[in-house]
N, C-alpha and C. Protein backbone atom coordinates (compact mmCIF):
# COMPACT_ATOMS: atom_id res chain seq x y z
N MET A 1 -69.63 -156.63 -31.56
CA MET A 1 -69.67 -157.26 -29.75
C MET A 1 -67.60 -157.38 -29.37
N ALA A 2 -67.59 -157.74 -30.50
CA ALA A 2 -66.24 -158.43 -30.11
C ALA A 2 -65.49 -157.31 -29.89
N ALA A 3 -65.73 -155.58 -30.45
CA ALA A 3 -65.34 -154.09 -29.73
C ALA A 3 -65.91 -154.07 -28.04
N ILE A 4 -66.90 -154.21 -27.46
CA ILE A 4 -67.10 -154.11 -26.62
C ILE A 4 -66.59 -155.51 -25.47
N LEU A 5 -66.11 -156.59 -26.06
CA LEU A 5 -65.63 -157.31 -25.11
C LEU A 5 -63.91 -157.03 -25.01
N ASP A 6 -63.53 -156.87 -26.04
CA ASP A 6 -62.33 -156.14 -25.99
C ASP A 6 -61.81 -155.23 -24.77
N LEU A 7 -63.01 -154.02 -25.23
CA LEU A 7 -62.98 -152.85 -24.24
C LEU A 7 -62.97 -152.94 -22.72
N ILE A 8 -64.14 -154.14 -22.79
CA ILE A 8 -64.20 -155.11 -21.00
C ILE A 8 -62.68 -155.72 -20.66
N MET A 9 -62.39 -156.42 -21.40
CA MET A 9 -60.91 -157.05 -20.68
C MET A 9 -59.71 -156.44 -20.68
N VAL A 10 -59.89 -154.78 -21.91
CA VAL A 10 -58.68 -154.33 -21.62
C VAL A 10 -59.02 -153.55 -20.27
N VAL A 11 -60.34 -152.78 -19.68
CA VAL A 11 -60.49 -152.26 -18.67
C VAL A 11 -60.20 -153.20 -16.82
N LEU A 12 -60.61 -154.99 -17.51
CA LEU A 12 -60.50 -155.70 -16.40
C LEU A 12 -58.63 -155.22 -16.25
N ARG A 13 -58.49 -156.08 -17.50
CA ARG A 13 -56.59 -155.85 -16.67
C ARG A 13 -56.11 -154.34 -16.88
N ILE A 14 -56.20 -152.99 -16.43
CA ILE A 14 -55.81 -152.16 -16.14
C ILE A 14 -56.49 -152.06 -14.55
N ALA A 15 -57.13 -153.03 -14.50
CA ALA A 15 -57.87 -153.07 -12.45
C ALA A 15 -56.45 -153.83 -12.37
N THR A 16 -56.61 -155.05 -12.89
CA THR A 16 -55.50 -155.87 -11.92
C THR A 16 -54.08 -154.85 -11.99
N PHE A 17 -54.03 -154.40 -12.64
CA PHE A 17 -52.37 -153.54 -13.14
C PHE A 17 -52.82 -152.36 -11.88
N ILE A 18 -53.52 -151.82 -11.39
CA ILE A 18 -54.08 -150.93 -10.32
C ILE A 18 -54.26 -152.04 -8.85
N ILE A 19 -54.86 -152.68 -9.11
CA ILE A 19 -55.06 -153.36 -7.53
C ILE A 19 -53.29 -153.57 -7.34
N ILE A 20 -52.54 -154.53 -8.02
CA ILE A 20 -51.60 -155.28 -7.64
C ILE A 20 -50.50 -153.52 -7.25
N ILE A 21 -50.66 -152.82 -8.10
CA ILE A 21 -49.90 -151.76 -7.46
C ILE A 21 -50.19 -151.15 -6.26
N GLN A 22 -51.41 -151.34 -6.10
CA GLN A 22 -51.75 -150.70 -4.55
C GLN A 22 -51.73 -151.12 -3.13
N ALA A 23 -51.28 -152.84 -3.58
CA ALA A 23 -51.13 -153.67 -2.76
C ALA A 23 -49.69 -153.89 -2.70
N VAL A 24 -48.78 -153.85 -3.29
CA VAL A 24 -47.23 -153.47 -3.08
C VAL A 24 -46.94 -152.19 -2.21
N LEU A 25 -47.83 -150.91 -2.44
CA LEU A 25 -47.47 -149.63 -2.19
C LEU A 25 -47.44 -150.15 -0.77
N SER A 26 -48.95 -150.39 -0.48
CA SER A 26 -49.40 -150.92 0.70
C SER A 26 -48.24 -151.46 1.42
N TRP A 27 -47.72 -152.62 1.09
CA TRP A 27 -46.43 -153.20 1.96
C TRP A 27 -45.51 -152.31 2.27
N LEU A 28 -45.31 -151.77 1.13
CA LEU A 28 -43.46 -150.65 1.02
C LEU A 28 -44.40 -149.83 2.25
N VAL A 29 -45.44 -148.97 2.63
CA VAL A 29 -45.37 -148.41 3.05
C VAL A 29 -45.74 -148.84 4.77
N GLY A 30 -46.11 -149.67 4.69
CA GLY A 30 -46.38 -150.34 5.58
C GLY A 30 -45.24 -150.98 6.79
N PHE A 31 -44.24 -150.70 5.50
CA PHE A 31 -43.43 -151.28 6.02
C PHE A 31 -42.10 -150.59 6.69
N ASN A 32 -42.07 -149.00 5.97
CA ASN A 32 -41.51 -148.19 6.49
C ASN A 32 -40.34 -148.17 5.37
N VAL A 33 -40.92 -148.32 4.23
CA VAL A 33 -39.27 -148.34 2.91
C VAL A 33 -40.08 -146.84 2.31
N LEU A 34 -41.34 -146.69 2.55
CA LEU A 34 -42.01 -145.61 1.66
C LEU A 34 -42.72 -144.72 2.75
N SER A 35 -42.27 -142.97 3.42
CA SER A 35 -43.16 -142.97 3.94
C SER A 35 -44.50 -141.70 3.35
N ILE A 36 -45.78 -141.96 3.72
CA ILE A 36 -46.97 -141.38 3.07
C ILE A 36 -46.29 -139.86 3.50
N GLN A 37 -45.36 -139.25 5.02
CA GLN A 37 -44.82 -137.43 4.17
C GLN A 37 -44.78 -136.77 3.13
N ASN A 38 -43.77 -137.80 2.47
CA ASN A 38 -44.18 -137.37 1.31
C ASN A 38 -44.50 -137.41 0.29
N PRO A 39 -44.29 -135.75 -0.16
CA PRO A 39 -45.99 -135.16 -0.81
C PRO A 39 -45.90 -137.03 -2.30
N THR A 40 -45.11 -136.88 -2.84
CA THR A 40 -45.79 -137.40 -4.26
C THR A 40 -46.15 -138.79 -3.26
N VAL A 41 -45.23 -139.18 -2.47
CA VAL A 41 -46.13 -140.97 -2.29
C VAL A 41 -46.94 -140.34 -2.10
N ARG A 42 -47.36 -139.58 -1.09
CA ARG A 42 -49.00 -139.41 -0.20
C ARG A 42 -50.12 -139.58 -2.07
N SER A 43 -49.55 -138.27 -3.08
CA SER A 43 -50.60 -138.03 -3.96
C SER A 43 -50.89 -139.58 -4.76
N ILE A 44 -49.65 -140.58 -4.56
CA ILE A 44 -49.88 -141.59 -5.34
C ILE A 44 -51.38 -142.32 -4.54
N TRP A 45 -50.70 -142.51 -3.28
CA TRP A 45 -51.51 -143.12 -2.89
C TRP A 45 -52.49 -142.85 -2.49
N GLY A 46 -52.84 -141.87 -2.05
CA GLY A 46 -54.03 -140.74 -2.49
C GLY A 46 -55.10 -141.46 -3.27
N GLY A 47 -54.81 -140.93 -4.69
CA GLY A 47 -55.22 -141.38 -5.39
C GLY A 47 -55.68 -142.82 -6.32
N LEU A 48 -54.67 -143.46 -5.35
CA LEU A 48 -55.21 -145.33 -5.65
C LEU A 48 -56.06 -145.82 -4.61
N GLN A 49 -56.10 -144.94 -3.76
CA GLN A 49 -57.46 -145.54 -2.68
C GLN A 49 -58.43 -144.99 -3.34
N ARG A 50 -58.60 -143.66 -3.67
CA ARG A 50 -59.96 -143.45 -4.36
C ARG A 50 -60.29 -144.14 -5.68
N ILE A 51 -59.56 -144.60 -6.00
CA ILE A 51 -59.70 -145.75 -7.56
C ILE A 51 -60.14 -146.92 -6.63
N THR A 52 -59.70 -147.64 -5.75
CA THR A 52 -59.74 -148.83 -5.80
C THR A 52 -61.16 -148.81 -4.12
N GLU A 53 -60.86 -147.45 -3.01
CA GLU A 53 -61.75 -148.10 -2.09
C GLU A 53 -63.40 -148.11 -2.27
N PRO A 54 -64.12 -147.70 -3.56
CA PRO A 54 -65.02 -148.23 -3.69
C PRO A 54 -65.72 -149.34 -5.05
N VAL A 55 -64.16 -150.62 -4.88
CA VAL A 55 -64.81 -151.58 -5.46
C VAL A 55 -64.52 -152.79 -4.49
N TYR A 56 -63.47 -151.68 -3.29
CA TYR A 56 -63.41 -152.70 -1.63
C TYR A 56 -64.40 -152.81 -0.78
N ARG A 57 -64.73 -151.21 -1.23
CA ARG A 57 -66.20 -151.07 -0.01
C ARG A 57 -66.78 -152.58 0.29
N PRO A 58 -67.97 -152.86 -1.11
CA PRO A 58 -68.71 -153.81 -0.95
C PRO A 58 -68.00 -155.28 -0.18
N ILE A 59 -67.20 -155.27 -1.14
CA ILE A 59 -66.31 -156.77 -0.36
C ILE A 59 -66.20 -156.93 1.22
N ARG A 60 -65.49 -156.07 1.18
CA ARG A 60 -64.98 -155.37 2.58
C ARG A 60 -66.25 -155.80 3.40
N ASN A 61 -67.43 -155.53 3.14
CA ASN A 61 -68.81 -155.19 4.29
C ASN A 61 -68.83 -157.20 4.14
N ILE A 62 -68.70 -157.51 3.88
CA ILE A 62 -69.02 -159.58 3.43
C ILE A 62 -67.91 -160.40 4.22
N LEU A 63 -66.69 -159.43 3.34
CA LEU A 63 -65.69 -160.52 4.32
C LEU A 63 -65.63 -159.95 5.73
N PRO A 64 -64.82 -161.09 6.69
CA PRO A 64 -65.60 -161.25 8.49
C PRO A 64 -64.18 -160.53 8.70
N PRO A 65 -64.15 -159.72 9.32
CA PRO A 65 -62.85 -159.17 10.24
C PRO A 65 -61.38 -160.08 10.55
N MET A 66 -60.33 -159.80 10.00
CA MET A 66 -59.05 -161.02 9.79
C MET A 66 -58.46 -160.40 10.59
N GLY A 67 -57.86 -159.54 12.11
CA GLY A 67 -57.38 -158.97 12.44
C GLY A 67 -56.50 -157.79 11.51
N GLY A 68 -55.08 -158.23 11.54
CA GLY A 68 -54.45 -156.93 10.67
C GLY A 68 -53.86 -156.90 8.72
N LEU A 69 -54.88 -158.09 8.36
CA LEU A 69 -54.88 -159.08 7.22
C LEU A 69 -55.96 -158.69 6.72
N ASP A 70 -55.53 -158.05 5.10
CA ASP A 70 -56.84 -157.24 4.27
C ASP A 70 -56.71 -158.98 3.21
N LEU A 71 -57.54 -159.15 3.55
CA LEU A 71 -58.23 -160.38 1.74
C LEU A 71 -58.86 -159.22 0.98
N THR A 72 -59.27 -158.86 1.36
CA THR A 72 -59.81 -157.64 -0.02
C THR A 72 -59.71 -157.66 -1.54
N PRO A 73 -58.51 -157.55 -1.73
CA PRO A 73 -57.57 -157.32 -3.17
C PRO A 73 -57.46 -158.63 -3.67
N MET A 74 -57.19 -159.60 -2.66
CA MET A 74 -57.12 -161.24 -3.58
C MET A 74 -58.20 -161.64 -3.78
N VAL A 75 -59.24 -161.39 -3.09
CA VAL A 75 -60.70 -161.49 -3.58
C VAL A 75 -61.20 -160.71 -5.12
N VAL A 76 -61.00 -159.41 -4.76
CA VAL A 76 -61.04 -158.56 -5.74
C VAL A 76 -60.66 -159.57 -7.75
N LEU A 77 -59.08 -159.30 -7.52
CA LEU A 77 -58.33 -159.92 -8.25
C LEU A 77 -59.19 -161.41 -8.58
N LEU A 78 -59.00 -162.24 -8.13
CA LEU A 78 -60.21 -163.53 -8.18
C LEU A 78 -60.98 -163.43 -8.81
N ILE A 79 -61.94 -162.23 -8.61
CA ILE A 79 -63.14 -162.12 -9.57
C ILE A 79 -62.97 -161.36 -11.01
N ILE A 80 -62.10 -160.50 -10.92
CA ILE A 80 -61.24 -159.83 -12.01
C ILE A 80 -61.22 -161.60 -12.77
N PHE A 81 -59.73 -162.45 -12.56
CA PHE A 81 -59.28 -163.37 -12.91
C PHE A 81 -61.12 -164.10 -13.91
N PHE A 82 -61.79 -164.28 -13.14
CA PHE A 82 -63.57 -165.54 -13.48
C PHE A 82 -64.06 -164.17 -14.36
N LEU A 83 -64.17 -163.07 -14.26
CA LEU A 83 -64.59 -162.40 -15.43
C LEU A 83 -64.11 -162.84 -17.12
N GLU A 84 -63.00 -162.81 -16.50
CA GLU A 84 -62.23 -162.54 -17.79
C GLU A 84 -62.13 -164.07 -18.50
N ARG A 85 -62.31 -165.45 -17.93
CA ARG A 85 -62.31 -166.23 -17.87
C ARG A 85 -63.48 -166.81 -19.11
N VAL A 86 -64.36 -165.67 -18.02
CA VAL A 86 -66.31 -166.47 -18.22
C VAL A 86 -66.07 -165.41 -19.83
N ILE A 87 -65.66 -164.13 -20.20
CA ILE A 87 -66.31 -163.38 -21.46
C ILE A 87 -65.24 -164.28 -22.45
N ALA A 88 -64.04 -164.96 -21.92
CA ALA A 88 -63.12 -165.72 -23.04
C ALA A 88 -63.93 -167.07 -23.72
N ARG A 89 -64.79 -167.53 -22.40
CA ARG A 89 -65.44 -168.74 -22.84
C ARG A 89 -66.55 -168.65 -23.57
N TYR A 90 -67.29 -167.59 -23.46
CA TYR A 90 -68.40 -167.35 -23.71
C TYR A 90 -69.01 -166.28 -24.44
N GLY A 91 -67.79 -165.15 -24.62
CA GLY A 91 -68.00 -164.38 -25.53
C GLY A 91 -67.30 -164.74 -26.64
N TYR A 92 -65.70 -164.78 -26.47
CA TYR A 92 -65.43 -165.16 -27.81
C TYR A 92 -65.38 -166.31 -27.98
N GLY A 93 -65.91 -167.12 -27.20
CA GLY A 93 -65.53 -169.10 -28.00
C GLY A 93 -64.16 -169.62 -27.90
N VAL A 94 -63.70 -169.35 -27.03
CA VAL A 94 -62.08 -169.84 -26.98
C VAL A 94 -61.95 -170.22 -24.98
N VAL A 95 -61.12 -171.15 -25.61
CA VAL A 95 -60.97 -172.31 -23.88
C VAL A 95 -59.75 -171.69 -23.31
N PRO A 96 -60.36 -170.89 -21.65
CA PRO A 96 -58.59 -170.47 -21.82
C PRO A 96 -58.41 -171.57 -21.00
N PHE A 97 -57.02 -171.55 -20.47
CA PHE A 97 -56.15 -172.27 -20.22
C PHE A 97 -56.74 -173.04 -18.61
């Protein structure tokens, strides 16, 4: 059972890093620090979009439109942090900080 929980925790941690990288990259593209015209940036951007969009889509359907502000990554990160705490508390019996 602990091995399965460890695997879930690793997947959640990887998802956290992917979401943070995607958010930072979107800021860099939005402020014209990086250009989507660059093939390397475009391929990285497309790959991250394909990974994160299936997770973001159901939450975007629930959240009301906020103009140009997208809070979806923050909501997904909060859900991931909550799941990590629940697994640590009830799966391992450890009280997280």
